[in-house]
Amino acid sequence: MTERLMMSWMSAALLAVLSVLLALSLSLEADAAAVPGSSGSTKDPQGPMKRIFMKEADASNFFRKRSRRGAKSQDEINAEQRQILAADERKREFHEEKRNEFESYAEEENDEQDERTRESTEQWREFHYDGMHPPQEYNRHSI
């Protein structure tokens, strides 16, 4: 009984695989993806292939110009230098702006601290003044 069930599964799987292969061989996309025969010219591609592939001499020049050890042209060196200088200028402006923001913040914070100190000093003077003696000039510079 199990052999018969196994044979039916194998035949069903074989039938499914064959039907998929038949469908793929008849589809239009399979023809488009196939390698063309020898009737086409492989040396001179036509249509969209012409944009993708380049001649062998051009390809070797392309990689020779951009190799690591290849000398850069003066235009490439100048362009890189301009990019580096522009990046340095942006960094300098950014850090200058941040420094100015911090300086203004620190100055404002110091002004607020001085105001709080002055107010607390005046409150201390008012609290300790007994009205009989002239007030002392605490934390004030005499002229």
C-alpha atoms as a PDB file:
ATOM      1  CA  MET A   1       0.000   0.000   0.000  1.00  0.00           C
ATOM      2  CA  THR A   2       2.804   2.459   0.902  1.00  0.00           C
ATOM      3  CA  GLU A   3       4.688   1.605  -2.304  1.00  0.00           C
ATOM      4  CA  ARG A   4       1.633   2.390  -4.358  1.00  0.00           C
ATOM      5  CA  LEU A   5       1.125   5.731  -2.515  1.00  0.00           C
ATOM      6  CA  MET A   6       4.791   6.585  -3.013  1.00  0.00           C
ATOM      7  CA  MET A   7       4.598   5.827  -6.730  1.00  0.00           C
ATOM      8  CA  SER A   8       1.569   8.101  -7.114  1.00  0.00           C
ATOM      9  CA  TRP A   9       3.425  10.984  -5.398  1.00  0.00           C
ATOM     10  CA  MET A  10       6.471  10.490  -7.602  1.00  0.00           C
ATOM     11  CA  SER A  11       4.377  10.457 -10.743  1.00  0.00           C
ATOM     12  CA  ALA A  12       2.535  13.610  -9.624  1.00  0.00           C
ATOM     13  CA  ALA A  13       5.829  15.407  -8.917  1.00  0.00           C
ATOM     14  CA  LEU A  14       7.275  14.296 -12.256  1.00  0.00           C
ATOM     15  CA  LEU A  15       4.179  15.502 -14.068  1.00  0.00           C
ATOM     16  CA  ALA A  16       4.408  18.921 -12.315  1.00  0.00           C
ATOM     17  CA  VAL A  17       8.082  19.366 -13.203  1.00  0.00           C
ATOM     18  CA  LEU A  18       7.457  18.440 -16.836  1.00  0.00           C
ATOM     19  CA  SER A  19       4.560  20.873 -17.108  1.00  0.00           C
ATOM     20  CA  VAL A  20       6.683  23.715 -15.681  1.00  0.00           C
ATOM     21  CA  LEU A  21       9.480  22.954 -18.146  1.00  0.00           C
ATOM     22  CA  LEU A  22       6.996  22.916 -21.027  1.00  0.00           C
ATOM     23  CA  ALA A  23       5.540  26.268 -19.941  1.00  0.00           C
ATOM     24  CA  LEU A  24       8.992  27.843 -19.675  1.00  0.00           C
ATOM     25  CA  SER A  25      10.081  26.603 -23.066  1.00  0.00           C
ATOM     26  CA  LEU A  26       6.967  28.045 -24.718  1.00  0.00           C
ATOM     27  CA  SER A  27       7.041  31.449 -23.023  1.00  0.00           C
ATOM     28  CA  LEU A  28       8.256  34.543 -24.894  1.00  0.00           C
ATOM     29  CA  GLU A  29      10.587  35.663 -22.106  1.00  0.00           C
ATOM     30  CA  ALA A  30      12.632  32.491 -22.441  1.00  0.00           C
ATOM     31  CA  ASP A  31      13.364  33.366 -26.076  1.00  0.00           C
ATOM     32  CA  ALA A  32      14.435  36.882 -25.107  1.00  0.00           C
ATOM     33  CA  ALA A  33      16.792  35.577 -22.419  1.00  0.00           C
ATOM     34  CA  ALA A  34      18.349  32.947 -24.674  1.00  0.00           C
ATOM     35  CA  VAL A  35      21.846  33.442 -26.068  1.00  0.00           C
ATOM     36  CA  PRO A  36      21.639  34.541 -29.703  1.00  0.00           C
ATOM     37  CA  GLY A  37      22.973  32.231 -32.382  1.00  0.00           C
ATOM     38  CA  SER A  38      26.000  32.824 -34.531  1.00  0.00           C
ATOM     39  CA  SER A  39      23.923  34.786 -37.048  1.00  0.00           C
ATOM     40  CA  GLY A  40      24.269  37.992 -34.960  1.00  0.00           C
ATOM     41  CA  SER A  41      27.445  40.050 -35.053  1.00  0.00           C
ATOM     42  CA  THR A  42      29.184  39.806 -31.675  1.00  0.00           C
ATOM     43  CA  LYS A  43      31.873  42.348 -32.546  1.00  0.00           C
ATOM     44  CA  ASP A  44      29.473  45.198 -33.309  1.00  0.00           C
ATOM     45  CA  PRO A  45      26.477  45.147 -30.918  1.00  0.00           C
ATOM     46  CA  GLN A  46      23.293  46.926 -31.971  1.00  0.00           C
ATOM     47  CA  GLY A  47      20.616  48.845 -30.052  1.00  0.00           C
ATOM     48  CA  PRO A  48      20.747  48.928 -26.254  1.00  0.00           C
ATOM     49  CA  MET A  49      23.791  46.642 -26.169  1.00  0.00           C
ATOM     50  CA  LYS A  50      25.842  49.372 -27.812  1.00  0.00           C
ATOM     51  CA  ARG A  51      25.311  51.620 -24.769  1.00  0.00           C
ATOM     52  CA  ILE A  52      26.369  48.922 -22.302  1.00  0.00           C
ATOM     53  CA  PHE A  53      29.505  47.521 -23.900  1.00  0.00           C
ATOM     54  CA  MET A  54      32.561  49.470 -25.009  1.00  0.00           C
ATOM     55  CA  LYS A  55      35.528  48.553 -27.123  1.00  0.00           C
ATOM     56  CA  GLU A  56      38.392  46.693 -25.479  1.00  0.00           C
ATOM     57  CA  ALA A  57      40.861  49.556 -25.931  1.00  0.00           C
ATOM     58  CA  ASP A  58      38.443  52.031 -24.352  1.00  0.00           C
ATOM     59  CA  ALA A  59      37.845  49.676 -21.433  1.00  0.00           C
ATOM     60  CA  SER A  60      41.564  49.256 -20.747  1.00  0.00           C
ATOM     61  CA  ASN A  61      42.057  53.049 -20.934  1.00  0.00           C
ATOM     62  CA  PHE A  62      39.113  53.535 -18.568  1.00  0.00           C
ATOM     63  CA  PHE A  63      40.698  51.366 -15.898  1.00  0.00           C
ATOM     64  CA  ARG A  64      44.218  52.632 -16.565  1.00  0.00           C
ATOM     65  CA  LYS A  65      43.128  56.236 -15.981  1.00  0.00           C
ATOM     66  CA  ARG A  66      41.432  55.388 -12.711  1.00  0.00           C
ATOM     67  CA  SER A  67      43.897  52.918 -11.214  1.00  0.00           C
ATOM     68  CA  ARG A  68      45.325  53.612  -7.782  1.00  0.00           C
ATOM     69  CA  ARG A  69      48.835  54.194  -9.057  1.00  0.00           C
ATOM     70  CA  GLY A  70      47.788  56.200 -12.078  1.00  0.00           C
ATOM     71  CA  ALA A  71      48.767  59.841 -12.027  1.00  0.00           C
ATOM     72  CA  LYS A  72      45.872  62.268 -11.642  1.00  0.00           C
ATOM     73  CA  SER A  73      45.426  65.067 -14.072  1.00  0.00           C
ATOM     74  CA  GLN A  74      45.848  68.641 -12.862  1.00  0.00           C
ATOM     75  CA  ASP A  75      42.104  69.225 -13.315  1.00  0.00           C
ATOM     76  CA  GLU A  76      41.302  66.286 -11.013  1.00  0.00           C
ATOM     77  CA  ILE A  77      43.788  67.538  -8.422  1.00  0.00           C
ATOM     78  CA  ASN A  78      42.332  71.063  -8.586  1.00  0.00           C
ATOM     79  CA  ALA A  79      38.767  69.763  -8.267  1.00  0.00           C
ATOM     80  CA  GLU A  80      39.673  67.648  -5.228  1.00  0.00           C
ATOM     81  CA  GLN A  81      41.477  70.604  -3.664  1.00  0.00           C
ATOM     82  CA  ARG A  82      38.426  72.834  -4.184  1.00  0.00           C
ATOM     83  CA  GLN A  83      36.217  70.220  -2.528  1.00  0.00           C
ATOM     84  CA  ILE A  84      38.581  69.931   0.430  1.00  0.00           C
ATOM     85  CA  LEU A  85      38.761  73.717   0.846  1.00  0.00           C
ATOM     86  CA  ALA A  86      34.975  74.037   0.635  1.00  0.00           C
ATOM     87  CA  ALA A  87      34.546  71.316   3.288  1.00  0.00           C
ATOM     88  CA  ASP A  88      37.107  73.025   5.539  1.00  0.00           C
ATOM     89  CA  GLU A  89      35.301  76.343   5.138  1.00  0.00           C
ATOM     90  CA  ARG A  90      31.967  74.740   6.069  1.00  0.00           C
ATOM     91  CA  LYS A  91      33.546  73.133   9.149  1.00  0.00           C
ATOM     92  CA  ARG A  92      35.153  76.425  10.179  1.00  0.00           C
ATOM     93  CA  GLU A  93      31.869  78.321   9.830  1.00  0.00           C
ATOM     94  CA  PHE A  94      30.000  75.642  11.767  1.00  0.00           C
ATOM     95  CA  HIS A  95      32.484  75.682  14.660  1.00  0.00           C
ATOM     96  CA  GLU A  96      32.606  79.494  14.681  1.00  0.00           C
ATOM     97  CA  GLU A  97      28.816  79.623  14.898  1.00  0.00           C
ATOM     98  CA  LYS A  98      28.786  77.079  17.743  1.00  0.00           C
ATOM     99  CA  ARG A  99      31.504  79.037  19.579  1.00  0.00           C
ATOM    100  CA  ASN A 100      29.529  82.290  19.212  1.00  0.00           C
ATOM    101  CA  GLU A 101      26.385  80.588  20.490  1.00  0.00           C
ATOM    102  CA  PHE A 102      28.244  79.242  23.511  1.00  0.00           C
ATOM    103  CA  GLU A 103      29.891  82.601  24.241  1.00  0.00           C
ATOM    104  CA  SER A 104      26.549  84.409  24.164  1.00  0.00           C
ATOM    105  CA  TYR A 105      25.014  81.680  26.345  1.00  0.00           C
ATOM    106  CA  ALA A 106      27.881  81.904  28.854  1.00  0.00           C
ATOM    107  CA  GLU A 107      27.701  85.703  28.940  1.00  0.00           C
ATOM    108  CA  GLU A 108      23.941  85.617  29.526  1.00  0.00           C
ATOM    109  CA  GLU A 109      24.358  82.979  32.232  1.00  0.00           C
ATOM    110  CA  ASN A 110      27.032  85.093  33.987  1.00  0.00           C
ATOM    111  CA  ASP A 111      24.796  88.173  33.816  1.00  0.00           C
ATOM    112  CA  GLU A 112      21.922  86.235  35.381  1.00  0.00           C
ATOM    113  CA  GLN A 113      24.213  84.881  38.105  1.00  0.00           C
ATOM    114  CA  ASP A 114      25.503  88.405  38.864  1.00  0.00           C
ATOM    115  CA  GLU A 115      21.908  89.671  39.104  1.00  0.00           C
ATOM    116  CA  ARG A 116      20.946  86.838  41.497  1.00  0.00           C
ATOM    117  CA  THR A 117      24.021  87.538  43.615  1.00  0.00           C
ATOM    118  CA  ARG A 118      23.249  91.284  43.747  1.00  0.00           C
ATOM    119  CA  GLU A 119      19.633  90.627  44.741  1.00  0.00           C
ATOM    120  CA  SER A 120      20.581  88.168  47.481  1.00  0.00           C
ATOM    121  CA  THR A 121      23.215  90.615  48.798  1.00  0.00           C
ATOM    122  CA  GLU A 122      20.677  93.450  48.973  1.00  0.00           C
ATOM    123  CA  GLN A 123      18.195  91.165  50.734  1.00  0.00           C
ATOM    124  CA  TRP A 124      20.875  90.223  53.238  1.00  0.00           C
ATOM    125  CA  ARG A 125      21.668  93.925  53.842  1.00  0.00           C
ATOM    126  CA  GLU A 126      17.992  94.814  54.344  1.00  0.00           C
ATOM    127  CA  PHE A 127      17.512  91.919  56.749  1.00  0.00           C
ATOM    128  CA  HIS A 128      20.603  92.750  58.839  1.00  0.00           C
ATOM    129  CA  TYR A 129      20.206  96.534  58.864  1.00  0.00           C
ATOM    130  CA  ASP A 130      19.177  97.608  62.380  1.00  0.00           C
ATOM    131  CA  GLY A 131      18.479 101.267  61.539  1.00  0.00           C
ATOM    132  CA  MET A 132      20.908 102.642  64.149  1.00  0.00           C
ATOM    133  CA  HIS A 133      24.170 102.488  62.302  1.00  0.00           C
ATOM    134  CA  PRO A 134      24.885 103.521  58.734  1.00  0.00           C
ATOM    135  CA  PRO A 135      24.709 100.507  56.433  1.00  0.00           C
ATOM    136  CA  GLN A 136      27.993  98.831  55.654  1.00  0.00           C
ATOM    137  CA  GLU A 137      29.174  98.752  52.100  1.00  0.00           C
ATOM    138  CA  TYR A 138      29.279  94.989  51.727  1.00  0.00           C
ATOM    139  CA  ASN A 139      30.712  93.748  48.435  1.00  0.00           C
ATOM    140  CA  ARG A 140      30.862  97.314  47.071  1.00  0.00           C
ATOM    141  CA  HIS A 141      33.942  99.139  46.016  1.00  0.00           C
ATOM    142  CA  SER A 142      34.339 102.497  47.635  1.00  0.00           C
ATOM    143  CA  ILE A 143      35.307 105.300  45.330  1.00  0.00           C
END
